[in-house]
PDB file of N, CA and C in Angstrom:
ATOM      1  N   MET A   1      -1.932 -21.133 190.494  1.00  0.00           N
ATOM      2  CA  MET A   1      -2.577 -22.002 191.450  1.00  0.00           C
ATOM      3  C   MET A   1      -2.282 -23.440 191.061  1.00  0.00           C
ATOM      4  N   ARG A   2      -1.634 -24.162 191.941  1.00  0.00           N
ATOM      5  CA  ARG A   2      -1.289 -25.563 191.686  1.00  0.00           C
ATOM      6  C   ARG A   2      -2.417 -26.471 192.142  1.00  0.00           C
ATOM      7  N   ARG A   3      -2.550 -27.509 191.411  1.00  0.00           N
ATOM      8  CA  ARG A   3      -3.588 -28.477 191.735  1.00  0.00           C
ATOM      9  C   ARG A   3      -2.972 -29.606 192.542  1.00  0.00           C
ATOM     10  N   ASP A   4      -3.611 -29.982 193.611  1.00  0.00           N
ATOM     11  CA  ASP A   4      -3.133 -31.074 194.461  1.00  0.00           C
ATOM     12  C   ASP A   4      -3.498 -32.399 193.787  1.00  0.00           C
ATOM     13  N   PRO A   5      -2.510 -33.263 193.479  1.00  0.00           N
ATOM     14  CA  PRO A   5      -2.805 -34.521 192.791  1.00  0.00           C
ATOM     15  C   PRO A   5      -3.638 -35.473 193.646  1.00  0.00           C
ATOM     16  N   GLU A   6      -3.712 -35.225 194.933  1.00  0.00           N
ATOM     17  CA  GLU A   6      -4.482 -36.091 195.816  1.00  0.00           C
ATOM     18  C   GLU A   6      -5.921 -35.614 195.966  1.00  0.00           C
ATOM     19  N   ARG A   7      -6.289 -34.511 195.289  1.00  0.00           N
ATOM     20  CA  ARG A   7      -7.619 -33.934 195.433  1.00  0.00           C
ATOM     21  C   ARG A   7      -8.246 -33.769 194.036  1.00  0.00           C
ATOM     22  N   CYS A   8      -9.543 -33.809 193.953  1.00  0.00           N
ATOM     23  CA  CYS A   8     -10.239 -33.491 192.705  1.00  0.00           C
ATOM     24  C   CYS A   8     -11.513 -32.749 193.060  1.00  0.00           C
ATOM     25  N   SER A   9     -12.087 -32.074 192.100  1.00  0.00           N
ATOM     26  CA  SER A   9     -13.294 -31.302 192.399  1.00  0.00           C
ATOM     27  C   SER A   9     -14.519 -32.101 191.985  1.00  0.00           C
ATOM     28  N   HIS A  10     -15.553 -31.927 192.781  1.00  0.00           N
ATOM     29  CA  HIS A  10     -16.816 -32.618 192.515  1.00  0.00           C
ATOM     30  C   HIS A  10     -17.942 -31.732 192.996  1.00  0.00           C
ATOM     31  N   ASN A  11     -18.854 -31.392 192.100  1.00  0.00           N
ATOM     32  CA  ASN A  11     -19.989 -30.515 192.431  1.00  0.00           C
ATOM     33  C   ASN A  11     -19.543 -29.230 193.109  1.00  0.00           C
ATOM     34  N   GLY A  12     -18.490 -28.643 192.611  1.00  0.00           N
ATOM     35  CA  GLY A  12     -18.028 -27.353 193.127  1.00  0.00           C
ATOM     36  C   GLY A  12     -17.163 -27.450 194.372  1.00  0.00           C
ATOM     37  N   GLY A  13     -17.029 -28.623 194.956  1.00  0.00           N
ATOM     38  CA  GLY A  13     -16.208 -28.792 196.152  1.00  0.00           C
ATOM     39  C   GLY A  13     -14.983 -29.619 195.838  1.00  0.00           C
ATOM     40  N   THR A  14     -14.106 -29.755 196.820  1.00  0.00           N
ATOM     41  CA  THR A  14     -12.900 -30.538 196.625  1.00  0.00           C
ATOM     42  C   THR A  14     -12.994 -31.787 197.491  1.00  0.00           C
ATOM     43  N   ILE A  15     -12.716 -32.932 196.870  1.00  0.00           N
ATOM     44  CA  ILE A  15     -12.746 -34.205 197.594  1.00  0.00           C
ATOM     45  C   ILE A  15     -11.484 -34.974 197.274  1.00  0.00           C
ATOM     46  N   SER A  16     -11.229 -36.008 198.040  1.00  0.00           N
ATOM     47  CA  SER A  16     -10.017 -36.803 197.819  1.00  0.00           C
ATOM     48  C   SER A  16     -10.183 -37.659 196.559  1.00  0.00           C
ATOM     49  N   ILE A  17      -9.055 -38.100 196.045  1.00  0.00           N
ATOM     50  CA  ILE A  17      -9.061 -38.968 194.861  1.00  0.00           C
ATOM     51  C   ILE A  17      -9.846 -40.235 195.160  1.00  0.00           C
ATOM     52  N   MET A  18      -9.693 -40.790 196.350  1.00  0.00           N
ATOM     53  CA  MET A  18     -10.395 -42.023 196.713  1.00  0.00           C
ATOM     54  C   MET A  18     -11.905 -41.790 196.716  1.00  0.00           C
ATOM     55  N   GLU A  19     -12.359 -40.663 197.263  1.00  0.00           N
ATOM     56  CA  GLU A  19     -13.784 -40.353 197.264  1.00  0.00           C
ATOM     57  C   GLU A  19     -14.288 -40.181 195.825  1.00  0.00           C
ATOM     58  N   CYS A  20     -13.487 -39.534 195.020  1.00  0.00           N
ATOM     59  CA  CYS A  20     -13.836 -39.326 193.616  1.00  0.00           C
ATOM     60  C   CYS A  20     -13.972 -40.679 192.910  1.00  0.00           C
ATOM     61  N   PHE A  21     -13.052 -41.578 193.160  1.00  0.00           N
ATOM     62  CA  PHE A  21     -13.081 -42.915 192.571  1.00  0.00           C
ATOM     63  C   PHE A  21     -14.342 -43.661 193.020  1.00  0.00           C
ATOM     64  N   LEU A  22     -14.654 -43.593 194.312  1.00  0.00           N
ATOM     65  CA  LEU A  22     -15.824 -44.294 194.828  1.00  0.00           C
ATOM     66  C   LEU A  22     -17.116 -43.747 194.230  1.00  0.00           C
ATOM     67  N   ILE A  23     -17.194 -42.423 194.102  1.00  0.00           N
ATOM     68  CA  ILE A  23     -18.389 -41.801 193.507  1.00  0.00           C
ATOM     69  C   ILE A  23     -18.526 -42.224 192.051  1.00  0.00           C
ATOM     70  N   THR A  24     -17.425 -42.162 191.315  1.00  0.00           N
ATOM     71  CA  THR A  24     -17.443 -42.534 189.899  1.00  0.00           C
ATOM     72  C   THR A  24     -17.823 -44.005 189.739  1.00  0.00           C
ATOM     73  N   ASN A  25     -17.269 -44.853 190.573  1.00  0.00           N
ATOM     74  CA  ASN A  25     -17.565 -46.282 190.528  1.00  0.00           C
ATOM     75  C   ASN A  25     -19.033 -46.536 190.840  1.00  0.00           C
ATOM     76  N   SER A  26     -19.562 -45.830 191.815  1.00  0.00           N
ATOM     77  CA  SER A  26     -20.960 -45.977 192.196  1.00  0.00           C
ATOM     78  C   SER A  26     -21.879 -45.552 191.050  1.00  0.00           C
ATOM     79  N   ILE A  27     -21.531 -44.470 190.385  1.00  0.00           N
ATOM     80  CA  ILE A  27     -22.326 -43.993 189.248  1.00  0.00           C
ATOM     81  C   ILE A  27     -22.309 -45.034 188.135  1.00  0.00           C
ATOM     82  N   ARG A  28     -21.147 -45.604 187.855  1.00  0.00           N
ATOM     83  CA  ARG A  28     -21.045 -46.631 186.808  1.00  0.00           C
ATOM     84  C   ARG A  28     -21.893 -47.847 187.155  1.00  0.00           C
ATOM     85  N   GLU A  29     -21.851 -48.280 188.427  1.00  0.00           N
ATOM     86  CA  GLU A  29     -22.647 -49.433 188.841  1.00  0.00           C
ATOM     87  C   GLU A  29     -24.134 -49.153 188.678  1.00  0.00           C
ATOM     88  N   ASP A  30     -24.562 -47.940 189.058  1.00  0.00           N
ATOM     89  CA  ASP A  30     -25.968 -47.568 188.896  1.00  0.00           C
ATOM     90  C   ASP A  30     -26.363 -47.577 187.424  1.00  0.00           C
ATOM     91  N   GLU A  31     -25.489 -47.052 186.573  1.00  0.00           N
ATOM     92  CA  GLU A  31     -25.778 -47.038 185.138  1.00  0.00           C
ATOM     93  C   GLU A  31     -25.877 -48.458 184.593  1.00  0.00           C
ATOM     94  N   GLN A  32     -24.994 -49.354 185.046  1.00  0.00           N
ATOM     95  CA  GLN A  32     -25.030 -50.739 184.585  1.00  0.00           C
ATOM     96  C   GLN A  32     -26.315 -51.427 185.045  1.00  0.00           C
ATOM     97  N   LYS A  33     -26.732 -51.172 186.288  1.00  0.00           N
ATOM     98  CA  LYS A  33     -27.979 -51.764 186.781  1.00  0.00           C
ATOM     99  C   LYS A  33     -29.166 -51.261 185.974  1.00  0.00           C
ATOM    100  N   ASN A  34     -29.178 -49.957 185.690  1.00  0.00           N
ATOM    101  CA  ASN A  34     -30.274 -49.394 184.897  1.00  0.00           C
ATOM    102  C   ASN A  34     -30.304 -49.997 183.501  1.00  0.00           C
ATOM    103  N   MET A  35     -29.138 -50.165 182.898  1.00  0.00           N
ATOM    104  CA  MET A  35     -29.073 -50.747 181.554  1.00  0.00           C
ATOM    105  C   MET A  35     -29.556 -52.192 181.573  1.00  0.00           C
ATOM    106  N   ALA A  36     -29.150 -52.960 182.601  1.00  0.00           N
ATOM    107  CA  ALA A  36     -29.581 -54.351 182.708  1.00  0.00           C
ATOM    108  C   ALA A  36     -31.095 -54.426 182.893  1.00  0.00           C
ATOM    109  N   HIS A  37     -31.634 -53.524 183.712  1.00  0.00           N
ATOM    110  CA  HIS A  37     -33.074 -53.487 183.937  1.00  0.00           C
ATOM    111  C   HIS A  37     -33.813 -53.162 182.638  1.00  0.00           C
ATOM    112  N   GLN A  38     -33.290 -52.212 181.865  1.00  0.00           N
ATOM    113  CA  GLN A  38     -33.908 -51.861 180.582  1.00  0.00           C
ATOM    114  C   GLN A  38     -33.840 -53.026 179.606  1.00  0.00           C
ATOM    115  N   ASP A  39     -32.704 -53.753 179.602  1.00  0.00           N
ATOM    116  CA  ASP A  39     -32.567 -54.916 178.723  1.00  0.00           C
ATOM    117  C   ASP A  39     -33.588 -55.982 179.095  1.00  0.00           C
ATOM    118  N   ASP A  40     -33.766 -56.239 180.414  1.00  0.00           N
ATOM    119  CA  ASP A  40     -34.738 -57.225 180.869  1.00  0.00           C
ATOM    120  C   ASP A  40     -36.148 -56.834 180.432  1.00  0.00           C
ATOM    121  N   ARG A  41     -36.477 -55.551 180.608  1.00  0.00           N
ATOM    122  CA  ARG A  41     -37.800 -55.065 180.233  1.00  0.00           C
ATOM    123  C   ARG A  41     -37.995 -55.225 178.728  1.00  0.00           C
ATOM    124  N   GLN A  42     -36.973 -54.896 177.944  1.00  0.00           N
ATOM    125  CA  GLN A  42     -37.060 -55.013 176.481  1.00  0.00           C
ATOM    126  C   GLN A  42     -37.267 -56.470 176.074  1.00  0.00           C
ATOM    127  N   GLU A  43     -36.551 -57.401 176.736  1.00  0.00           N
ATOM    128  CA  GLU A  43     -36.706 -58.819 176.415  1.00  0.00           C
ATOM    129  C   GLU A  43     -38.113 -59.301 176.737  1.00  0.00           C
ATOM    130  N   ARG A  44     -38.653 -58.869 177.885  1.00  0.00           N
ATOM    131  CA  ARG A  44     -40.017 -59.269 178.246  1.00  0.00           C
ATOM    132  C   ARG A  44     -41.021 -58.726 177.245  1.00  0.00           C
ATOM    133  N   MET A  45     -40.843 -57.472 176.838  1.00  0.00           N
ATOM    134  CA  MET A  45     -41.758 -56.872 175.873  1.00  0.00           C
ATOM    135  C   MET A  45     -41.648 -57.570 174.524  1.00  0.00           C
ATOM    136  N   THR A  46     -40.426 -57.877 174.107  1.00  0.00           N
ATOM    137  CA  THR A  46     -40.220 -58.558 172.834  1.00  0.00           C
ATOM    138  C   THR A  46     -40.879 -59.931 172.865  1.00  0.00           C
ATOM    139  N   GLY A  47     -40.725 -60.655 173.977  1.00  0.00           N
ATOM    140  CA  GLY A  47     -41.356 -61.964 174.114  1.00  0.00           C
ATOM    141  C   GLY A  47     -42.865 -61.872 174.060  1.00  0.00           C
ATOM    142  N   ALA A  48     -43.430 -60.868 174.718  1.00  0.00           N
ATOM    143  CA  ALA A  48     -44.879 -60.685 174.708  1.00  0.00           C
ATOM    144  C   ALA A  48     -45.375 -60.356 173.305  1.00  0.00           C
ATOM    145  N   VAL A  49     -44.631 -59.539 172.590  1.00  0.00           N
ATOM    146  CA  VAL A  49     -45.018 -59.179 171.220  1.00  0.00           C
ATOM    147  C   VAL A  49     -44.977 -60.415 170.335  1.00  0.00           C
ATOM    148  N   ARG A  50     -43.948 -61.252 170.502  1.00  0.00           N
ATOM    149  CA  ARG A  50     -43.854 -62.485 169.695  1.00  0.00           C
ATOM    150  C   ARG A  50     -45.053 -63.385 169.936  1.00  0.00           C
ATOM    151  N   VAL A  51     -45.442 -63.539 171.199  1.00  0.00           N
ATOM    152  CA  VAL A  51     -46.592 -64.379 171.528  1.00  0.00           C
ATOM    153  C   VAL A  51     -47.850 -63.810 170.890  1.00  0.00           C
ATOM    154  N   ASP A  52     -48.036 -62.502 170.971  1.00  0.00           N
ATOM    155  CA  ASP A  52     -49.212 -61.867 170.369  1.00  0.00           C
ATOM    156  C   ASP A  52     -49.232 -62.044 168.854  1.00  0.00           C
ATOM    157  N   VAL A  53     -48.089 -61.873 168.222  1.00  0.00           N
ATOM    158  CA  VAL A  53     -48.007 -62.026 166.762  1.00  0.00           C
ATOM    159  C   VAL A  53     -48.304 -63.470 166.372  1.00  0.00           C
ATOM    160  N   ALA A  54     -47.710 -64.420 167.086  1.00  0.00           N
ATOM    161  CA  ALA A  54     -47.939 -65.834 166.767  1.00  0.00           C
ATOM    162  C   ALA A  54     -49.418 -66.192 166.929  1.00  0.00           C
ATOM    163  N   ARG A  55     -50.032 -65.720 168.007  1.00  0.00           N
ATOM    164  CA  ARG A  55     -51.453 -65.995 168.251  1.00  0.00           C
ATOM    165  C   ARG A  55     -52.300 -65.380 167.141  1.00  0.00           C
ATOM    166  N   ASN A  56     -51.976 -64.165 166.762  1.00  0.00           N
ATOM    167  CA  ASN A  56     -52.717 -63.471 165.719  1.00  0.00           C
ATOM    168  C   ASN A  56     -52.606 -64.206 164.379  1.00  0.00           C
ATOM    169  N   VAL A  57     -51.402 -64.652 164.037  1.00  0.00           N
ATOM    170  CA  VAL A  57     -51.197 -65.372 162.771  1.00  0.00           C
ATOM    171  C   VAL A  57     -51.984 -66.680 162.782  1.00  0.00           C
ATOM    172  N   ARG A  58     -51.912 -67.432 163.908  1.00  0.00           N
ATOM    173  CA  ARG A  58     -52.658 -68.696 163.991  1.00  0.00           C
ATOM    174  C   ARG A  58     -54.160 -68.460 163.833  1.00  0.00           C
ATOM    175  N   GLN A  59     -54.673 -67.417 164.474  1.00  0.00           N
ATOM    176  CA  GLN A  59     -56.106 -67.122 164.366  1.00  0.00           C
ATOM    177  C   GLN A  59     -56.495 -66.787 162.938  1.00  0.00           C
ATOM    178  N   ARG A  60     -55.679 -65.980 162.291  1.00  0.00           N
ATOM    179  CA  ARG A  60     -56.004 -65.587 160.915  1.00  0.00           C
ATOM    180  C   ARG A  60     -55.900 -66.760 159.948  1.00  0.00           C
ATOM    181  N   LEU A  61     -54.875 -67.592 160.110  1.00  0.00           N
ATOM    182  CA  LEU A  61     -54.726 -68.740 159.217  1.00  0.00           C
ATOM    183  C   LEU A  61     -55.834 -69.763 159.433  1.00  0.00           C
ATOM    184  N   GLY A  62     -56.372 -69.812 160.629  1.00  0.00           N
ATOM    185  CA  GLY A  62     -57.414 -70.785 160.937  1.00  0.00           C
ATOM    186  C   GLY A  62     -58.812 -70.372 160.512  1.00  0.00           C
ATOM    187  N   ARG A  63     -58.985 -69.159 160.042  1.00  0.00           N
ATOM    188  CA  ARG A  63     -60.306 -68.716 159.592  1.00  0.00           C
ATOM    189  C   ARG A  63     -60.735 -69.530 158.376  1.00  0.00           C
ATOM    190  N   PRO A  64     -62.005 -69.858 158.305  1.00  0.00           N
ATOM    191  CA  PRO A  64     -62.490 -70.711 157.194  1.00  0.00           C
ATOM    192  C   PRO A  64     -62.129 -70.188 155.804  1.00  0.00           C
ATOM    193  N   GLU A  65     -62.247 -68.875 155.605  1.00  0.00           N
ATOM    194  CA  GLU A  65     -61.942 -68.339 154.267  1.00  0.00           C
ATOM    195  C   GLU A  65     -60.457 -68.523 153.924  1.00  0.00           C
ATOM    196  N   ASN A  66     -59.582 -68.433 154.919  1.00  0.00           N
ATOM    197  CA  ASN A  66     -58.152 -68.649 154.657  1.00  0.00           C
ATOM    198  C   ASN A  66     -57.841 -70.125 154.461  1.00  0.00           C
ATOM    199  N   VAL A  67     -58.504 -70.982 155.219  1.00  0.00           N
ATOM    200  CA  VAL A  67     -58.286 -72.424 155.063  1.00  0.00           C
ATOM    201  C   VAL A  67     -58.663 -72.843 153.646  1.00  0.00           C
ATOM    202  N   ARG A  68     -59.836 -72.371 153.166  1.00  0.00           N
ATOM    203  CA  ARG A  68     -60.259 -72.710 151.788  1.00  0.00           C
ATOM    204  C   ARG A  68     -59.252 -72.217 150.758  1.00  0.00           C
ATOM    205  N   THR A  69     -58.776 -70.986 150.934  1.00  0.00           N
ATOM    206  CA  THR A  69     -57.819 -70.413 149.989  1.00  0.00           C
ATOM    207  C   THR A  69     -56.511 -71.194 149.995  1.00  0.00           C
ATOM    208  N   LEU A  70     -56.021 -71.500 151.185  1.00  0.00           N
ATOM    209  CA  LEU A  70     -54.751 -72.216 151.276  1.00  0.00           C
ATOM    210  C   LEU A  70     -54.868 -73.639 150.734  1.00  0.00           C
ATOM    211  N   GLN A  71     -55.993 -74.292 150.973  1.00  0.00           N
ATOM    212  CA  GLN A  71     -56.171 -75.653 150.455  1.00  0.00           C
ATOM    213  C   GLN A  71     -56.223 -75.674 148.931  1.00  0.00           C
ATOM    214  N   ALA A  72     -56.656 -74.582 148.333  1.00  0.00           N
ATOM    215  CA  ALA A  72     -56.735 -74.514 146.872  1.00  0.00           C
ATOM    216  C   ALA A  72     -55.368 -74.260 146.236  1.00  0.00           C
ATOM    217  N   MET A  73     -54.403 -73.825 147.035  1.00  0.00           N
ATOM    218  CA  MET A  73     -53.073 -73.534 146.493  1.00  0.00           C
ATOM    219  C   MET A  73     -52.228 -74.810 146.511  1.00  0.00           C
ATOM    220  N   PRO A  74     -51.577 -75.126 145.388  1.00  0.00           N
ATOM    221  CA  PRO A  74     -50.809 -76.379 145.324  1.00  0.00           C
ATOM    222  C   PRO A  74     -49.652 -76.432 146.335  1.00  0.00           C
ATOM    223  N   GLN A  75     -49.090 -75.287 146.704  1.00  0.00           N
ATOM    224  CA  GLN A  75     -47.976 -75.287 147.649  1.00  0.00           C
ATOM    225  C   GLN A  75     -48.415 -75.764 149.029  1.00  0.00           C
ATOM    226  N   PHE A  76     -49.710 -75.625 149.339  1.00  0.00           N
ATOM    227  CA  PHE A  76     -50.200 -75.966 150.665  1.00  0.00           C
ATOM    228  C   PHE A  76     -51.021 -77.247 150.675  1.00  0.00           C
ATOM    229  N   SER A  77     -51.066 -77.947 149.563  1.00  0.00           N
ATOM    230  CA  SER A  77     -51.833 -79.189 149.535  1.00  0.00           C
ATOM    231  C   SER A  77     -50.986 -80.323 150.126  1.00  0.00           C
ATOM    232  N   VAL A  78     -51.690 -81.284 150.690  1.00  0.00           N
ATOM    233  CA  VAL A  78     -51.007 -82.424 151.316  1.00  0.00           C
ATOM    234  C   VAL A  78     -50.855 -83.513 150.269  1.00  0.00           C
ATOM    235  N   GLU A  79     -49.649 -83.994 150.117  1.00  0.00           N
ATOM    236  CA  GLU A  79     -49.402 -85.084 149.180  1.00  0.00           C
ATOM    237  C   GLU A  79     -49.771 -86.397 149.841  1.00  0.00           C
ATOM    238  N   GLN A  80     -50.494 -87.217 149.099  1.00  0.00           N
ATOM    239  CA  GLN A  80     -50.921 -88.496 149.653  1.00  0.00           C
ATOM    240  C   GLN A  80     -49.794 -89.523 149.631  1.00  0.00           C
ATOM    241  N   ASP A  81     -48.925 -89.441 148.629  1.00  0.00           N
ATOM    242  CA  ASP A  81     -47.816 -90.391 148.517  1.00  0.00           C
ATOM    243  C   ASP A  81     -46.573 -89.806 149.152  1.00  0.00           C
ATOM    244  N   LEU A  82     -45.971 -90.574 150.038  1.00  0.00           N
ATOM    245  CA  LEU A  82     -44.714 -90.156 150.647  1.00  0.00           C
ATOM    246  C   LEU A  82     -43.564 -90.831 149.914  1.00  0.00           C
ATOM    247  N   PRO A  83     -42.482 -90.150 149.718  1.00  0.00           N
ATOM    248  CA  PRO A  83     -41.316 -90.830 149.155  1.00  0.00           C
ATOM    249  C   PRO A  83     -40.884 -91.970 150.082  1.00  0.00           C
ATOM    250  N   ASP A  84     -40.293 -93.007 149.504  1.00  0.00           N
ATOM    251  CA  ASP A  84     -39.886 -94.181 150.286  1.00  0.00           C
ATOM    252  C   ASP A  84     -38.988 -93.813 151.462  1.00  0.00           C
ATOM    253  N   GLU A  85     -38.111 -92.852 151.249  1.00  0.00           N
ATOM    254  CA  GLU A  85     -37.185 -92.454 152.308  1.00  0.00           C
ATOM    255  C   GLU A  85     -37.938 -91.960 153.545  1.00  0.00           C
ATOM    256  N   PHE A  86     -38.941 -91.108 153.332  1.00  0.00           N
ATOM    257  CA  PHE A  86     -39.712 -90.584 154.460  1.00  0.00           C
ATOM    258  C   PHE A  86     -40.586 -91.663 155.085  1.00  0.00           C
ATOM    259  N   SER A  87     -41.121 -92.522 154.248  1.00  0.00           N
ATOM    260  CA  SER A  87     -41.950 -93.615 154.742  1.00  0.00           C
ATOM    261  C   SER A  87     -41.132 -94.530 155.654  1.00  0.00           C
ATOM    262  N   ASN A  88     -39.905 -94.838 155.233  1.00  0.00           N
ATOM    263  CA  ASN A  88     -39.023 -95.674 156.059  1.00  0.00           C
ATOM    264  C   ASN A  88     -38.673 -94.986 157.377  1.00  0.00           C
ATOM    265  N   LEU A  89     -38.394 -93.679 157.312  1.00  0.00           N
ATOM    266  CA  LEU A  89     -38.068 -92.941 158.535  1.00  0.00           C
ATOM    267  C   LEU A  89     -39.249 -92.908 159.499  1.00  0.00           C
ATOM    268  N   LEU A  90     -40.457 -92.721 158.964  1.00  0.00           N
ATOM    269  CA  LEU A  90     -41.640 -92.729 159.824  1.00  0.00           C
ATOM    270  C   LEU A  90     -41.863 -94.100 160.452  1.00  0.00           C
ATOM    271  N   GLY A  91     -41.593 -95.150 159.689  1.00  0.00           N
ATOM    272  CA  GLY A  91     -41.697 -96.507 160.230  1.00  0.00           C
ATOM    273  C   GLY A  91     -40.724 -96.721 161.381  1.00  0.00           C
ATOM    274  N   LYS A  92     -39.484 -96.274 161.206  1.00  0.00           N
ATOM    275  CA  LYS A  92     -38.485 -96.383 162.281  1.00  0.00           C
ATOM    276  C   LYS A  92     -38.907 -95.576 163.505  1.00  0.00           C
ATOM    277  N   LEU A  93     -39.481 -94.410 163.281  1.00  0.00           N
ATOM    278  CA  LEU A  93     -39.954 -93.578 164.381  1.00  0.00           C
ATOM    279  C   LEU A  93     -41.080 -94.274 165.145  1.00  0.00           C
ATOM    280  N   ASP A  94     -42.005 -94.889 164.418  1.00  0.00           N
ATOM    281  CA  ASP A  94     -43.098 -95.634 165.075  1.00  0.00           C
ATOM    282  C   ASP A  94     -42.543 -96.763 165.935  1.00  0.00           C
ATOM    283  N   LYS A  95     -41.583 -97.511 165.400  1.00  0.00           N
ATOM    284  CA  LYS A  95     -40.984 -98.624 166.173  1.00  0.00           C
ATOM    285  C   LYS A  95     -40.291 -98.101 167.430  1.00  0.00           C
ATOM    286  N   ALA A  96     -39.542 -97.012 167.298  1.00  0.00           N
ATOM    287  CA  ALA A  96     -38.835 -96.449 168.449  1.00  0.00           C
ATOM    288  C   ALA A  96     -39.826 -95.973 169.515  1.00  0.00           C
ATOM    289  N   GLU A  97     -40.934 -95.380 169.084  1.00  0.00           N
ATOM    290  CA  GLU A  97     -41.953 -94.916 170.040  1.00  0.00           C
ATOM    291  C   GLU A  97     -42.618 -96.078 170.758  1.00  0.00           C
ATOM    292  N   ARG A  98     -42.866 -97.172 170.020  1.00  0.00           N
ATOM    293  CA  ARG A  98     -43.475 -98.351 170.658  1.00  0.00           C
ATOM    294  C   ARG A  98     -42.543 -98.961 171.700  1.00  0.00           C
ATOM    295  N   ARG A  99     -41.240 -99.000 171.382  1.00  0.00           N
ATOM    296  CA  ARG A  99     -40.258 -99.537 172.352  1.00  0.00           C
ATOM    297  C   ARG A  99     -40.157 -98.648 173.589  1.00  0.00           C
ATOM    298  N   ALA A 100     -40.204 -97.335 173.376  1.00  0.00           N
ATOM    299  CA  ALA A 100     -40.038 -96.396 174.487  1.00  0.00           C
ATOM    300  C   ALA A 100     -41.309 -96.317 175.344  1.00  0.00           C
ATOM    301  N   GLY A 101     -42.470 -96.514 174.725  1.00  0.00           N
ATOM    302  CA  GLY A 101     -43.735 -96.292 175.415  1.00  0.00           C
ATOM    303  C   GLY A 101     -44.238 -97.491 176.065  1.00  0.00           C
TER     304      GLY A 101
END
């Protein structure tokens, strides 16, 4: 039994090569749309999770017991003296803001 190069089988029937191409192309487009939709949903979920995590961290860090603990740690203490370099940069920033505002 010879196979006709202009025909292919699909779901138990025989269709033309062009019909086969169109069906295959349509399936690929549907798969791409589904994948894009899943990617969009994943991005939205990831963004929502980030917002929830950030809010949760801010709430926990702002609790009085955590504030006291962090203030007692030298890594989190505020230095009263600024190095000259930073002081000069802050001065320039103040001048630029006054000119712009």
